């Protein structure tokens, strides 16, 4: 639970800093989130699936 809080605080700080630097902070965060869900999360899910199969095979 505390890591979710840390992540949320981090995103808010990044959003504020990007807006102070005159960047579109909201768009950058949305594009980054889309990139992570498209390229990173499938590999994590595949790893979890492989670990699940290994544990249940024994």
PDB file of N, CA and C in Angstrom:
ATOM      1  N   UNK A   1       0.809  -1.185   0.000  1.00  0.00           N
ATOM      2  CA  UNK A   1       0.000   0.000   0.000  1.00  0.00           C
ATOM      3  C   UNK A   1       0.859   1.258   0.000  1.00  0.00           C
ATOM      4  N   UNK A   2       1.963   1.212   0.761  1.00  0.00           N
ATOM      5  CA  UNK A   2       2.788   2.412   0.818  1.00  0.00           C
ATOM      6  C   UNK A   2       3.489   2.661  -0.520  1.00  0.00           C
ATOM      7  N   UNK A   3       3.745   1.601  -1.302  1.00  0.00           N
ATOM      8  CA  UNK A   3       4.386   1.807  -2.597  1.00  0.00           C
ATOM      9  C   UNK A   3       3.437   2.464  -3.591  1.00  0.00           C
ATOM     10  N   UNK A   4       2.146   2.181  -3.472  1.00  0.00           N
ATOM     11  CA  UNK A   4       1.163   2.866  -4.310  1.00  0.00           C
ATOM     12  C   UNK A   4       1.125   4.355  -3.966  1.00  0.00           C
ATOM     13  N   UNK A   5       1.237   4.656  -2.685  1.00  0.00           N
ATOM     14  CA  UNK A   5       1.269   6.052  -2.257  1.00  0.00           C
ATOM     15  C   UNK A   5       2.526   6.747  -2.774  1.00  0.00           C
ATOM     16  N   UNK A   6       3.668   6.073  -2.670  1.00  0.00           N
ATOM     17  CA  UNK A   6       4.912   6.645  -3.189  1.00  0.00           C
ATOM     18  C   UNK A   6       4.826   6.881  -4.696  1.00  0.00           C
ATOM     19  N   UNK A   7       4.246   5.927  -5.419  1.00  0.00           N
ATOM     20  CA  UNK A   7       4.098   6.076  -6.852  1.00  0.00           C
ATOM     21  C   UNK A   7       3.194   7.233  -7.219  1.00  0.00           C
ATOM     22  N   UNK A   8       2.104   7.383  -6.488  1.00  0.00           N
ATOM     23  CA  UNK A   8       1.183   8.489  -6.747  1.00  0.00           C
ATOM     24  C   UNK A   8       1.846   9.827  -6.461  1.00  0.00           C
ATOM     25  N   UNK A   9       2.551   9.918  -5.357  1.00  0.00           N
ATOM     26  CA  UNK A   9       3.259  11.158  -5.032  1.00  0.00           C
ATOM     27  C   UNK A   9       4.309  11.460  -6.094  1.00  0.00           C
ATOM     28  N   UNK A  10       5.006  10.429  -6.560  1.00  0.00           N
ATOM     29  CA  UNK A  10       6.006  10.619  -7.614  1.00  0.00           C
ATOM     30  C   UNK A  10       5.396  11.132  -8.902  1.00  0.00           C
ATOM     31  N   UNK A  11       4.252  10.561  -9.291  1.00  0.00           N
ATOM     32  CA  UNK A  11       3.587  11.029 -10.513  1.00  0.00           C
ATOM     33  C   UNK A  11       3.119  12.469 -10.380  1.00  0.00           C
ATOM     34  N   UNK A  12       2.609  12.838  -9.224  1.00  0.00           N
ATOM     35  CA  UNK A  12       2.164  14.221  -9.009  1.00  0.00           C
ATOM     36  C   UNK A  12       3.344  15.176  -9.079  1.00  0.00           C
ATOM     37  N   UNK A  13       4.463  14.806  -8.477  1.00  0.00           N
ATOM     38  CA  UNK A  13       5.658  15.663  -8.522  1.00  0.00           C
ATOM     39  C   UNK A  13       6.158  15.805  -9.953  1.00  0.00           C
ATOM     40  N   UNK A  14       6.204  14.697 -10.703  1.00  0.00           N
ATOM     41  CA  UNK A  14       6.621  14.762 -12.112  1.00  0.00           C
ATOM     42  C   UNK A  14       5.672  15.647 -12.901  1.00  0.00           C
ATOM     43  N   UNK A  15       4.373  15.513 -12.658  1.00  0.00           N
ATOM     44  CA  UNK A  15       3.370  16.321 -13.348  1.00  0.00           C
ATOM     45  C   UNK A  15       3.589  17.811 -13.068  1.00  0.00           C
ATOM     46  N   UNK A  16       3.818  18.158 -11.805  1.00  0.00           N
ATOM     47  CA  UNK A  16       4.025  19.564 -11.439  1.00  0.00           C
ATOM     48  C   UNK A  16       5.305  20.107 -12.055  1.00  0.00           C
ATOM     49  N   UNK A  17       6.381  19.336 -12.003  1.00  0.00           N
ATOM     50  CA  UNK A  17       7.660  19.784 -12.560  1.00  0.00           C
ATOM     51  C   UNK A  17       7.548  19.987 -14.069  1.00  0.00           C
ATOM     52  N   UNK A  18       6.909  19.050 -14.774  1.00  0.00           N
ATOM     53  CA  UNK A  18       6.755  19.197 -16.218  1.00  0.00           C
ATOM     54  C   UNK A  18       5.913  20.416 -16.567  1.00  0.00           C
ATOM     55  N   UNK A  19       4.881  20.679 -15.786  1.00  0.00           N
ATOM     56  CA  UNK A  19       4.066  21.862 -16.046  1.00  0.00           C
ATOM     57  C   UNK A  19       4.819  23.148 -15.734  1.00  0.00           C
ATOM     58  N   UNK A  20       5.666  23.128 -14.716  1.00  0.00           N
ATOM     59  CA  UNK A  20       6.478  24.310 -14.424  1.00  0.00           C
ATOM     60  C   UNK A  20       7.494  24.579 -15.531  1.00  0.00           C
ATOM     61  N   UNK A  21       7.941  23.528 -16.206  1.00  0.00           N
ATOM     62  CA  UNK A  21       8.888  23.678 -17.318  1.00  0.00           C
ATOM     63  C   UNK A  21       8.187  23.918 -18.653  1.00  0.00           C
ATOM     64  N   UNK A  22       6.885  24.193 -18.590  1.00  0.00           N
ATOM     65  CA  UNK A  22       6.053  24.485 -19.771  1.00  0.00           C
ATOM     66  C   UNK A  22       5.946  23.312 -20.734  1.00  0.00           C
ATOM     67  N   UNK A  23       5.969  22.116 -20.210  1.00  0.00           N
ATOM     68  CA  UNK A  23       5.682  20.924 -21.000  1.00  0.00           C
ATOM     69  C   UNK A  23       4.250  20.499 -20.697  1.00  0.00           C
ATOM     70  N   UNK A  24       3.682  19.707 -21.583  1.00  0.00           N
ATOM     71  CA  UNK A  24       2.344  19.181 -21.335  1.00  0.00           C
ATOM     72  C   UNK A  24       2.498  17.920 -20.484  1.00  0.00           C
ATOM     73  N   UNK A  25       2.506  18.107 -19.180  1.00  0.00           N
ATOM     74  CA  UNK A  25       2.764  17.011 -18.247  1.00  0.00           C
ATOM     75  C   UNK A  25       1.735  15.904 -18.339  1.00  0.00           C
ATOM     76  N   UNK A  26       0.473  16.266 -18.509  1.00  0.00           N
ATOM     77  CA  UNK A  26      -0.583  15.262 -18.590  1.00  0.00           C
ATOM     78  C   UNK A  26      -0.385  14.368 -19.801  1.00  0.00           C
ATOM     79  N   UNK A  27      -0.077  14.969 -20.949  1.00  0.00           N
ATOM     80  CA  UNK A  27       0.124  14.182 -22.175  1.00  0.00           C
ATOM     81  C   UNK A  27       1.344  13.272 -22.050  1.00  0.00           C
ATOM     82  N   UNK A  28       2.409  13.757 -21.463  1.00  0.00           N
ATOM     83  CA  UNK A  28       3.619  12.947 -21.305  1.00  0.00           C
ATOM     84  C   UNK A  28       3.337  11.751 -20.392  1.00  0.00           C
ATOM     85  N   UNK A  29       2.595  11.969 -19.306  1.00  0.00           N
ATOM     86  CA  UNK A  29       2.278  10.869 -18.392  1.00  0.00           C
ATOM     87  C   UNK A  29       1.374   9.845 -19.077  1.00  0.00           C
ATOM     88  N   UNK A  30       0.381  10.311 -19.850  1.00  0.00           N
ATOM     89  CA  UNK A  30      -0.523   9.391 -20.547  1.00  0.00           C
ATOM     90  C   UNK A  30       0.241   8.576 -21.593  1.00  0.00           C
ATOM     91  N   UNK A  31       1.103   9.228 -22.368  1.00  0.00           N
ATOM     92  CA  UNK A  31       1.878   8.513 -23.390  1.00  0.00           C
ATOM     93  C   UNK A  31       2.816   7.500 -22.733  1.00  0.00           C
ATOM     94  N   UNK A  32       3.435   7.868 -21.605  1.00  0.00           N
ATOM     95  CA  UNK A  32       4.313   6.938 -20.890  1.00  0.00           C
ATOM     96  C   UNK A  32       3.531   5.742 -20.359  1.00  0.00           C
ATOM     97  N   UNK A  33       2.338   5.991 -19.828  1.00  0.00           N
ATOM     98  CA  UNK A  33       1.501   4.910 -19.322  1.00  0.00           C
ATOM     99  C   UNK A  33       1.102   3.971 -20.458  1.00  0.00           C
ATOM    100  N   UNK A  34       0.735   4.528 -21.608  1.00  0.00           N
ATOM    101  CA  UNK A  34       0.389   3.681 -22.760  1.00  0.00           C
ATOM    102  C   UNK A  34       1.581   2.839 -23.196  1.00  0.00           C
ATOM    103  N   UNK A  35       2.783   3.420 -23.201  1.00  0.00           N
ATOM    104  CA  UNK A  35       3.976   2.698 -23.617  1.00  0.00           C
ATOM    105  C   UNK A  35       4.260   1.545 -22.649  1.00  0.00           C
ATOM    106  N   UNK A  36       4.145   1.823 -21.348  1.00  0.00           N
ATOM    107  CA  UNK A  36       4.402   0.777 -20.353  1.00  0.00           C
ATOM    108  C   UNK A  36       3.399  -0.356 -20.495  1.00  0.00           C
ATOM    109  N   UNK A  37       2.102  -0.024 -20.679  1.00  0.00           N
ATOM    110  CA  UNK A  37       1.112  -1.085 -20.783  1.00  0.00           C
ATOM    111  C   UNK A  37       1.261  -1.872 -22.079  1.00  0.00           C
ATOM    112  N   UNK A  38       1.796  -1.258 -23.094  1.00  0.00           N
ATOM    113  CA  UNK A  38       1.957  -1.958 -24.367  1.00  0.00           C
ATOM    114  C   UNK A  38       3.204  -2.835 -24.399  1.00  0.00           C
ATOM    115  N   UNK A  39       4.320  -2.369 -23.828  1.00  0.00           N
ATOM    116  CA  UNK A  39       5.584  -3.074 -24.005  1.00  0.00           C
ATOM    117  C   UNK A  39       6.123  -3.747 -22.745  1.00  0.00           C
ATOM    118  N   UNK A  40       5.861  -3.224 -21.574  1.00  0.00           N
ATOM    119  CA  UNK A  40       6.460  -3.763 -20.356  1.00  0.00           C
ATOM    120  C   UNK A  40       5.537  -4.775 -19.671  1.00  0.00           C
ATOM    121  N   UNK A  41       4.270  -4.430 -19.494  1.00  0.00           N
ATOM    122  CA  UNK A  41       3.359  -5.308 -18.760  1.00  0.00           C
ATOM    123  C   UNK A  41       3.172  -6.693 -19.382  1.00  0.00           C
ATOM    124  N   UNK A  42       3.144  -6.837 -20.718  1.00  0.00           N
ATOM    125  CA  UNK A  42       3.040  -8.205 -21.249  1.00  0.00           C
ATOM    126  C   UNK A  42       4.211  -9.106 -20.841  1.00  0.00           C
ATOM    127  N   UNK A  43       5.418  -8.552 -20.756  1.00  0.00           N
ATOM    128  CA  UNK A  43       6.565  -9.355 -20.339  1.00  0.00           C
ATOM    129  C   UNK A  43       6.463  -9.745 -18.876  1.00  0.00           C
ATOM    130  N   UNK A  44       5.954  -8.831 -18.040  1.00  0.00           N
ATOM    131  CA  UNK A  44       5.756  -9.157 -16.629  1.00  0.00           C
ATOM    132  C   UNK A  44       4.697 -10.245 -16.487  1.00  0.00           C
ATOM    133  N   UNK A  45       3.606 -10.124 -17.236  1.00  0.00           N
ATOM    134  CA  UNK A  45       2.550 -11.140 -17.184  1.00  0.00           C
ATOM    135  C   UNK A  45       3.074 -12.491 -17.661  1.00  0.00           C
ATOM    136  N   UNK A  46       3.894 -12.489 -18.698  1.00  0.00           N
ATOM    137  CA  UNK A  46       4.480 -13.738 -19.185  1.00  0.00           C
ATOM    138  C   UNK A  46       5.379 -14.362 -18.129  1.00  0.00           C
ATOM    139  N   UNK A  47       6.175 -13.566 -17.452  1.00  0.00           N
ATOM    140  CA  UNK A  47       7.032 -14.075 -16.370  1.00  0.00           C
ATOM    141  C   UNK A  47       6.193 -14.703 -15.267  1.00  0.00           C
ATOM    142  N   UNK A  48       5.120 -14.004 -14.851  1.00  0.00           N
ATOM    143  CA  UNK A  48       4.252 -14.541 -13.807  1.00  0.00           C
ATOM    144  C   UNK A  48       3.596 -15.839 -14.248  1.00  0.00           C
ATOM    145  N   UNK A  49       3.199 -15.906 -15.495  1.00  0.00           N
ATOM    146  CA  UNK A  49       2.574 -17.127 -16.009  1.00  0.00           C
ATOM    147  C   UNK A  49       3.563 -18.292 -16.005  1.00  0.00           C
ATOM    148  N   UNK A  50       4.789 -18.042 -16.402  1.00  0.00           N
ATOM    149  CA  UNK A  50       5.807 -19.099 -16.408  1.00  0.00           C
ATOM    150  C   UNK A  50       6.074 -19.572 -14.981  1.00  0.00           C
ATOM    151  N   UNK A  51       6.165 -18.639 -14.036  1.00  0.00           N
ATOM    152  CA  UNK A  51       6.376 -19.018 -12.639  1.00  0.00           C
ATOM    153  C   UNK A  51       5.190 -19.828 -12.109  1.00  0.00           C
ATOM    154  N   UNK A  52       3.976 -19.450 -12.503  1.00  0.00           N
ATOM    155  CA  UNK A  52       2.782 -20.181 -12.087  1.00  0.00           C
ATOM    156  C   UNK A  52       2.803 -21.610 -12.618  1.00  0.00           C
ATOM    157  N   UNK A  53       3.186 -21.779 -13.876  1.00  0.00           N
ATOM    158  CA  UNK A  53       3.238 -23.112 -14.478  1.00  0.00           C
ATOM    159  C   UNK A  53       4.324 -23.949 -13.804  1.00  0.00           C
ATOM    160  N   UNK A  54       5.472 -23.357 -13.536  1.00  0.00           N
ATOM    161  CA  UNK A  54       6.548 -24.093 -12.874  1.00  0.00           C
ATOM    162  C   UNK A  54       6.134 -24.575 -11.477  1.00  0.00           C
ATOM    163  N   UNK A  55       5.459 -23.720 -10.726  1.00  0.00           N
ATOM    164  CA  UNK A  55       5.026 -24.088  -9.370  1.00  0.00           C
ATOM    165  C   UNK A  55       3.974 -25.194  -9.385  1.00  0.00           C
ATOM    166  N   UNK A  56       3.051 -25.145 -10.328  1.00  0.00           N
ATOM    167  CA  UNK A  56       1.976 -26.115 -10.351  1.00  0.00           C
ATOM    168  C   UNK A  56       2.352 -27.419 -11.069  1.00  0.00           C
ATOM    169  N   UNK A  57       3.494 -27.444 -11.714  1.00  0.00           N
ATOM    170  CA  UNK A  57       3.931 -28.640 -12.412  1.00  0.00           C
ATOM    171  C   UNK A  57       4.511 -29.672 -11.444  1.00  0.00           C
ATOM    172  N   UNK A  58       5.021 -29.242 -10.340  1.00  0.00           N
ATOM    173  CA  UNK A  58       5.690 -30.126  -9.374  1.00  0.00           C
ATOM    174  C   UNK A  58       4.753 -31.052  -8.707  1.00  0.00           C
TER     175      UNK A  58
END
